[in-house]
C-alpha atoms as a PDB file:
ATOM      1  CA  MET A   1     -16.530  57.186 -66.756  1.00  0.00           C
ATOM      2  CA  SER A   2     -19.550  57.747 -64.533  1.00  0.00           C
ATOM      3  CA  GLN A   3     -22.969  56.861 -65.787  1.00  0.00           C
ATOM      4  CA  ARG A   4     -25.609  59.556 -65.928  1.00  0.00           C
ATOM      5  CA  THR A   5     -28.817  58.979 -64.014  1.00  0.00           C
ATOM      6  CA  ARG A   6     -31.792  58.725 -66.314  1.00  0.00           C
ATOM      7  CA  MET A   7     -34.292  61.477 -65.581  1.00  0.00           C
ATOM      8  CA  ASN A   8     -37.476  62.638 -67.194  1.00  0.00           C
ATOM      9  CA  PRO A   9     -37.391  66.070 -68.879  1.00  0.00           C
ATOM     10  CA  ALA A  10     -38.969  67.874 -65.894  1.00  0.00           C
ATOM     11  CA  GLU A  11     -36.405  66.421 -63.485  1.00  0.00           C
ATOM     12  CA  ARG A  12     -33.529  67.193 -65.842  1.00  0.00           C
ATOM     13  CA  THR A  13     -34.764  70.771 -66.346  1.00  0.00           C
ATOM     14  CA  ALA A  14     -35.027  71.226 -62.568  1.00  0.00           C
ATOM     15  CA  GLN A  15     -31.509  69.835 -62.117  1.00  0.00           C
ATOM     16  CA  ILE A  16     -30.053  72.218 -64.712  1.00  0.00           C
ATOM     17  CA  LEU A  17     -31.979  75.140 -63.214  1.00  0.00           C
ATOM     18  CA  ALA A  18     -30.734  74.357 -59.689  1.00  0.00           C
ATOM     19  CA  THR A  19     -27.165  74.166 -60.987  1.00  0.00           C
ATOM     20  CA  ALA A  20     -27.549  77.457 -62.871  1.00  0.00           C
ATOM     21  CA  LYS A  21     -29.038  79.097 -59.792  1.00  0.00           C
ATOM     22  CA  GLN A  22     -25.948  78.127 -57.803  1.00  0.00           C
ATOM     23  CA  ALA A  23     -23.644  79.343 -60.568  1.00  0.00           C
ATOM     24  CA  PHE A  24     -25.292  82.762 -60.906  1.00  0.00           C
ATOM     25  CA  ALA A  25     -25.437  83.122 -57.118  1.00  0.00           C
ATOM     26  CA  SER A  26     -21.692  82.559 -56.949  1.00  0.00           C
ATOM     27  CA  ASP A  27     -20.417  84.724 -59.794  1.00  0.00           C
ATOM     28  CA  SER A  28     -21.205  87.572 -62.157  1.00  0.00           C
ATOM     29  CA  TYR A  29     -23.350  87.021 -65.216  1.00  0.00           C
ATOM     30  CA  ALA A  30     -20.310  87.503 -67.462  1.00  0.00           C
ATOM     31  CA  ASN A  31     -18.313  84.812 -65.663  1.00  0.00           C
ATOM     32  CA  VAL A  32     -20.983  82.101 -65.739  1.00  0.00           C
ATOM     33  CA  SER A  33     -20.852  79.910 -68.833  1.00  0.00           C
ATOM     34  CA  VAL A  34     -23.377  77.470 -70.221  1.00  0.00           C
ATOM     35  CA  ALA A  35     -20.528  74.983 -70.606  1.00  0.00           C
ATOM     36  CA  GLN A  36     -19.711  75.138 -66.886  1.00  0.00           C
ATOM     37  CA  VAL A  37     -23.378  74.847 -65.889  1.00  0.00           C
ATOM     38  CA  ALA A  38     -23.707  71.824 -68.178  1.00  0.00           C
ATOM     39  CA  LYS A  39     -20.563  70.237 -66.739  1.00  0.00           C
ATOM     40  CA  ASP A  40     -21.659  70.852 -63.137  1.00  0.00           C
ATOM     41  CA  ALA A  41     -25.133  69.470 -63.902  1.00  0.00           C
ATOM     42  CA  GLY A  42     -23.642  66.429 -65.632  1.00  0.00           C
ATOM     43  CA  VAL A  43     -25.359  67.139 -68.941  1.00  0.00           C
ATOM     44  CA  SER A  44     -24.334  68.249 -72.402  1.00  0.00           C
ATOM     45  CA  VAL A  45     -24.271  71.872 -73.519  1.00  0.00           C
ATOM     46  CA  ALA A  46     -26.768  70.870 -76.211  1.00  0.00           C
ATOM     47  CA  LEU A  47     -29.226  69.710 -73.546  1.00  0.00           C
ATOM     48  CA  VAL A  48     -28.961  73.025 -71.694  1.00  0.00           C
ATOM     49  CA  HIS A  49     -29.679  74.803 -74.986  1.00  0.00           C
ATOM     50  CA  LYS A  50     -32.589  72.449 -75.673  1.00  0.00           C
ATOM     51  CA  TYR A  51     -34.331  73.388 -72.424  1.00  0.00           C
ATOM     52  CA  PHE A  52     -33.231  77.020 -72.013  1.00  0.00           C
ATOM     53  CA  GLU A  53     -32.132  78.121 -75.519  1.00  0.00           C
ATOM     54  CA  SER A  54     -29.207  80.270 -74.362  1.00  0.00           C
ATOM     55  CA  LYS A  55     -27.373  81.765 -71.415  1.00  0.00           C
ATOM     56  CA  THR A  56     -29.910  84.593 -71.351  1.00  0.00           C
ATOM     57  CA  GLY A  57     -32.720  82.037 -71.260  1.00  0.00           C
ATOM     58  CA  LEU A  58     -31.005  80.214 -68.417  1.00  0.00           C
ATOM     59  CA  PHE A  59     -30.547  83.434 -66.444  1.00  0.00           C
ATOM     60  CA  ALA A  60     -34.168  84.452 -67.081  1.00  0.00           C
ATOM     61  CA  ALA A  61     -35.317  81.056 -65.774  1.00  0.00           C
ATOM     62  CA  VAL A  62     -33.252  81.585 -62.605  1.00  0.00           C
ATOM     63  CA  LEU A  63     -34.887  84.999 -62.129  1.00  0.00           C
ATOM     64  CA  GLU A  64     -38.348  83.494 -62.666  1.00  0.00           C
ATOM     65  CA  GLU A  65     -37.614  80.840 -60.047  1.00  0.00           C
ATOM     66  CA  ASN A  66     -36.409  83.439 -57.545  1.00  0.00           C
ATOM     67  CA  PHE A  67     -39.510  85.569 -58.129  1.00  0.00           C
ATOM     68  CA  ARG A  68     -41.744  82.496 -57.780  1.00  0.00           C
ATOM     69  CA  ILE A  69     -40.160  81.722 -54.394  1.00  0.00           C
ATOM     70  CA  LEU A  70     -40.482  85.365 -53.321  1.00  0.00           C
ATOM     71  CA  ARG A  71     -44.177  85.551 -54.268  1.00  0.00           C
ATOM     72  CA  GLN A  72     -44.874  82.325 -52.366  1.00  0.00           C
ATOM     73  CA  ARG A  73     -43.114  83.777 -49.340  1.00  0.00           C
ATOM     74  CA  GLN A  74     -45.233  86.908 -49.644  1.00  0.00           C
ATOM     75  CA  ASN A  75     -48.390  84.805 -49.662  1.00  0.00           C
ATOM     76  CA  ASP A  76     -47.175  83.044 -46.512  1.00  0.00           C
ATOM     77  CA  TYR A  77     -46.488  86.375 -44.777  1.00  0.00           C
ATOM     78  CA  LEU A  78     -49.973  87.631 -45.688  1.00  0.00           C
ATOM     79  CA  GLU A  79     -51.666  84.716 -43.899  1.00  0.00           C
ATOM     80  CA  GLY A  80     -53.899  85.946 -41.097  1.00  0.00           C
ATOM     81  CA  LYS A  81     -53.401  89.639 -41.857  1.00  0.00           C
ATOM     82  CA  THR A  82     -56.600  91.586 -42.561  1.00  0.00           C
ATOM     83  CA  ILE A  83     -55.714  95.271 -42.084  1.00  0.00           C
ATOM     84  CA  LYS A  84     -54.459  96.937 -45.288  1.00  0.00           C
ATOM     85  CA  ARG A  85     -51.444  98.581 -43.676  1.00  0.00           C
ATOM     86  CA  ASP A  86     -50.420  95.310 -42.015  1.00  0.00           C
ATOM     87  CA  ARG A  87     -50.811  93.425 -45.289  1.00  0.00           C
ATOM     88  CA  VAL A  88     -48.638  95.895 -47.201  1.00  0.00           C
ATOM     89  CA  GLY A  89     -46.133  95.748 -44.328  1.00  0.00           C
ATOM     90  CA  ALA A  90     -46.081  91.952 -44.701  1.00  0.00           C
ATOM     91  CA  LEU A  91     -45.264  92.313 -48.415  1.00  0.00           C
ATOM     92  CA  ILE A  92     -42.359  94.604 -47.567  1.00  0.00           C
ATOM     93  CA  GLU A  93     -41.075  92.425 -44.723  1.00  0.00           C
ATOM     94  CA  SER A  94     -41.210  89.278 -46.848  1.00  0.00           C
ATOM     95  CA  TYR A  95     -39.175  91.036 -49.547  1.00  0.00           C
ATOM     96  CA  LEU A  96     -36.541  92.247 -47.079  1.00  0.00           C
ATOM     97  CA  ASP A  97     -36.296  88.814 -45.451  1.00  0.00           C
ATOM     98  CA  PHE A  98     -36.001  87.144 -48.848  1.00  0.00           C
ATOM     99  CA  ILE A  99     -33.138  89.444 -49.845  1.00  0.00           C
ATOM    100  CA  ALA A 100     -31.401  89.053 -46.459  1.00  0.00           C
ATOM    101  CA  ASP A 101     -31.645  85.251 -46.703  1.00  0.00           C
ATOM    102  CA  LEU A 102     -29.860  85.158 -50.067  1.00  0.00           C
ATOM    103  CA  LYS A 103     -26.501  85.827 -48.386  1.00  0.00           C
ATOM    104  CA  ARG A 104     -24.301  85.825 -51.494  1.00  0.00           C
ATOM    105  CA  PRO A 105     -23.530  89.213 -53.049  1.00  0.00           C
ATOM    106  CA  TYR A 106     -23.962  88.078 -56.664  1.00  0.00           C
ATOM    107  CA  GLU A 107     -27.324  86.526 -55.869  1.00  0.00           C
ATOM    108  CA  VAL A 108     -28.522  89.749 -54.254  1.00  0.00           C
ATOM    109  CA  GLY A 109     -27.011  91.846 -57.038  1.00  0.00           C
ATOM    110  CA  HIS A 110     -28.728  89.888 -59.786  1.00  0.00           C
ATOM    111  CA  LEU A 111     -32.104  90.458 -58.141  1.00  0.00           C
ATOM    112  CA  LEU A 112     -31.664  94.080 -57.090  1.00  0.00           C
ATOM    113  CA  TYR A 113     -29.610  95.459 -59.951  1.00  0.00           C
ATOM    114  CA  GLY A 114     -30.230  92.975 -62.702  1.00  0.00           C
ATOM    115  CA  HIS A 115     -28.609  92.167 -65.963  1.00  0.00           C
ATOM    116  CA  ASP A 116     -29.644  94.136 -69.004  1.00  0.00           C
ATOM    117  CA  ASP A 117     -30.866  91.729 -71.614  1.00  0.00           C
ATOM    118  CA  ALA A 118     -34.313  91.591 -73.158  1.00  0.00           C
ATOM    119  CA  ARG A 119     -35.350  88.256 -71.601  1.00  0.00           C
ATOM    120  CA  SER A 120     -34.355  89.264 -68.068  1.00  0.00           C
ATOM    121  CA  ASN A 121     -36.038  92.631 -68.438  1.00  0.00           C
ATOM    122  CA  GLU A 122     -39.185  90.891 -69.666  1.00  0.00           C
ATOM    123  CA  VAL A 123     -39.155  88.617 -66.597  1.00  0.00           C
ATOM    124  CA  ARG A 124     -38.690  91.622 -64.303  1.00  0.00           C
ATOM    125  CA  ARG A 125     -41.522  93.596 -65.951  1.00  0.00           C
ATOM    126  CA  LEU A 126     -43.867  90.619 -65.687  1.00  0.00           C
ATOM    127  CA  ASP A 127     -43.014  90.212 -62.010  1.00  0.00           C
ATOM    128  CA  GLU A 128     -43.519  93.942 -61.414  1.00  0.00           C
ATOM    129  CA  ARG A 129     -46.982  93.712 -62.991  1.00  0.00           C
ATOM    130  CA  THR A 130     -47.809  90.658 -60.865  1.00  0.00           C
ATOM    131  CA  PHE A 131     -46.682  92.497 -57.746  1.00  0.00           C
ATOM    132  CA  ALA A 132     -48.680  95.621 -58.697  1.00  0.00           C
ATOM    133  CA  VAL A 133     -51.822  93.492 -59.074  1.00  0.00           C
ATOM    134  CA  LYS A 134     -51.240  92.005 -55.618  1.00  0.00           C
ATOM    135  CA  LEU A 135     -50.708  95.482 -54.162  1.00  0.00           C
ATOM    136  CA  ARG A 136     -53.859  96.819 -55.865  1.00  0.00           C
ATOM    137  CA  THR A 137     -55.845  93.893 -54.493  1.00  0.00           C
ATOM    138  CA  ILE A 138     -54.711  94.772 -50.977  1.00  0.00           C
ATOM    139  CA  VAL A 139     -54.889  98.575 -51.160  1.00  0.00           C
ATOM    140  CA  GLN A 140     -57.984  98.790 -53.397  1.00  0.00           C
ATOM    141  CA  PRO A 141     -57.096 102.195 -54.828  1.00  0.00           C
ATOM    142  CA  ASN A 142     -59.662 104.379 -56.535  1.00  0.00           C
ATOM    143  CA  GLU A 143     -59.461 105.286 -60.216  1.00  0.00           C
ATOM    144  CA  SER A 144     -57.706 108.622 -59.688  1.00  0.00           C
ATOM    145  CA  SER A 145     -54.406 109.467 -61.329  1.00  0.00           C
ATOM    146  CA  ARG A 146     -52.949 110.007 -57.860  1.00  0.00           C
ATOM    147  CA  ASP A 147     -53.729 106.447 -56.784  1.00  0.00           C
ATOM    148  CA  PHE A 148     -52.454 105.075 -60.097  1.00  0.00           C
ATOM    149  CA  PHE A 149     -49.091 106.785 -59.631  1.00  0.00           C
ATOM    150  CA  ALA A 150     -48.957 105.860 -55.937  1.00  0.00           C
ATOM    151  CA  ILE A 151     -49.230 102.164 -56.817  1.00  0.00           C
ATOM    152  CA  GLN A 152     -46.856 102.464 -59.786  1.00  0.00           C
ATOM    153  CA  SER A 153     -44.164 104.204 -57.743  1.00  0.00           C
ATOM    154  CA  PHE A 154     -44.344 101.861 -54.757  1.00  0.00           C
ATOM    155  CA  GLN A 155     -42.036  99.204 -56.162  1.00  0.00           C
ATOM    156  CA  GLY A 156     -39.391 101.811 -57.006  1.00  0.00           C
ATOM    157  CA  LEU A 157     -39.496 103.075 -53.427  1.00  0.00           C
ATOM    158  CA  LEU A 158     -39.264  99.519 -52.092  1.00  0.00           C
ATOM    159  CA  GLN A 159     -36.315  98.725 -54.400  1.00  0.00           C
ATOM    160  CA  SER A 160     -34.464 101.898 -53.479  1.00  0.00           C
ATOM    161  CA  ALA A 161     -34.946 101.404 -49.735  1.00  0.00           C
ATOM    162  CA  THR A 162     -33.927  97.738 -50.013  1.00  0.00           C
ATOM    163  CA  ARG A 163     -30.745  98.623 -51.904  1.00  0.00           C
ATOM    164  CA  ALA A 164     -29.815 101.137 -49.201  1.00  0.00           C
ATOM    165  CA  TRP A 165     -30.537  98.537 -46.501  1.00  0.00           C
ATOM    166  CA  VAL A 166     -28.350  95.968 -48.302  1.00  0.00           C
ATOM    167  CA  GLN A 167     -25.526  98.497 -48.671  1.00  0.00           C
ATOM    168  CA  ARG A 168     -25.722  99.055 -44.909  1.00  0.00           C
ATOM    169  CA  GLY A 169     -25.387  95.308 -44.290  1.00  0.00           C
ATOM    170  CA  CYS A 170     -29.039  94.230 -43.864  1.00  0.00           C
ATOM    171  CA  GLN A 171     -28.923  95.217 -40.206  1.00  0.00           C
ATOM    172  CA  PRO A 172     -31.826  93.515 -38.375  1.00  0.00           C
ATOM    173  CA  ASP A 173     -32.423  96.608 -36.224  1.00  0.00           C
ATOM    174  CA  GLU A 174     -32.935  98.661 -39.402  1.00  0.00           C
ATOM    175  CA  LYS A 175     -35.489  96.319 -40.990  1.00  0.00           C
ATOM    176  CA  TYR A 176     -38.534  97.835 -39.290  1.00  0.00           C
ATOM    177  CA  PRO A 177     -37.470 101.427 -39.978  1.00  0.00           C
ATOM    178  CA  VAL A 178     -37.230 100.434 -43.668  1.00  0.00           C
ATOM    179  CA  ILE A 179     -40.718  98.905 -43.505  1.00  0.00           C
ATOM    180  CA  GLU A 180     -42.138 102.001 -41.815  1.00  0.00           C
ATOM    181  CA  ALA A 181     -40.455 104.360 -44.293  1.00  0.00           C
ATOM    182  CA  VAL A 182     -41.769 102.455 -47.318  1.00  0.00           C
ATOM    183  CA  LEU A 183     -45.245 102.153 -45.774  1.00  0.00           C
ATOM    184  CA  GLY A 184     -45.184 105.870 -45.027  1.00  0.00           C
ATOM    185  CA  GLY A 185     -44.222 106.623 -48.610  1.00  0.00           C
ATOM    186  CA  LEU A 186     -47.203 104.686 -49.941  1.00  0.00           C
ATOM    187  CA  GLU A 187     -49.545 106.143 -47.353  1.00  0.00           C
ATOM    188  CA  GLY A 188     -48.390 109.658 -48.215  1.00  0.00           C
ATOM    189  CA  ALA A 189     -48.761 108.991 -51.926  1.00  0.00           C
ATOM    190  CA  LEU A 190     -52.305 107.687 -51.435  1.00  0.00           C
ATOM    191  CA  GLY A 191     -53.261 110.343 -48.900  1.00  0.00           C
ATOM    192  CA  ASP A 192     -55.133 107.802 -46.767  1.00  0.00           C
ATOM    193  CA  TRP A 193     -55.418 104.005 -46.651  1.00  0.00           C
ATOM    194  CA  ASP A 194     -59.201 103.895 -46.687  1.00  0.00           C
ATOM    195  CA  ARG A 195     -60.393 106.754 -48.861  1.00  0.00           C
ATOM    196  CA  ARG A 196     -62.352 106.035 -52.020  1.00  0.00           C
END
C-alpha cells in the first residue's frame, strides 16, 4: 500500500481541483464521478466532499478556475493597448485563443455549452458580470438604454461567434474575421466608439 503525501489543506484542494479539471476535460459531466476523482487524486471521497461539498461543487470550482485563467489571459492581452477598439479586440482574441488552446472537446463543451445546475449557472453569471464590468471600463458607455443593451448583448454575440468558429475547427485563418465580426457587432450596437 502506498503512503499518501502529507499536504496542507490548500495543497490538497489544489490537487483535487487539478484532478477534477482533467476528469471533466476528458469526459462528460454525467460520466465523471466523485469516487473516480478521489481515487485519481489519491484521497478519500469524504475529503473531496469536505472541500467541494458535491459533484456540482467540484464542477463549479473547475469552471471558476477556468474563468480565472481566462481573465488573467485577457489582462495579459490588454497590456500596452490604449485604443478602445484594440482593447476590445484583445478581449475577443484572448477568448478565442483560450478556447482553441483547450484542445479537448469536453473541455470546450463545458465552457461553451455548460451544464445546467444552479452552482454552475451561478459561476457563469458571476463571470458574465465580471466580464461586463471589464468591457464597460474599456468602452465607457453612456447611460442610454442603447448602450446598456449593447454591452449586455456583447457576450452573447461573442459566445455565438465562438461556437460557430469551434464547429468549423478553430481555423487560424478565420480567427481575425471572427474578431472583426464581433467588434463590428459591438460598434454597430453602440453607434460609435467615442460618442457620449
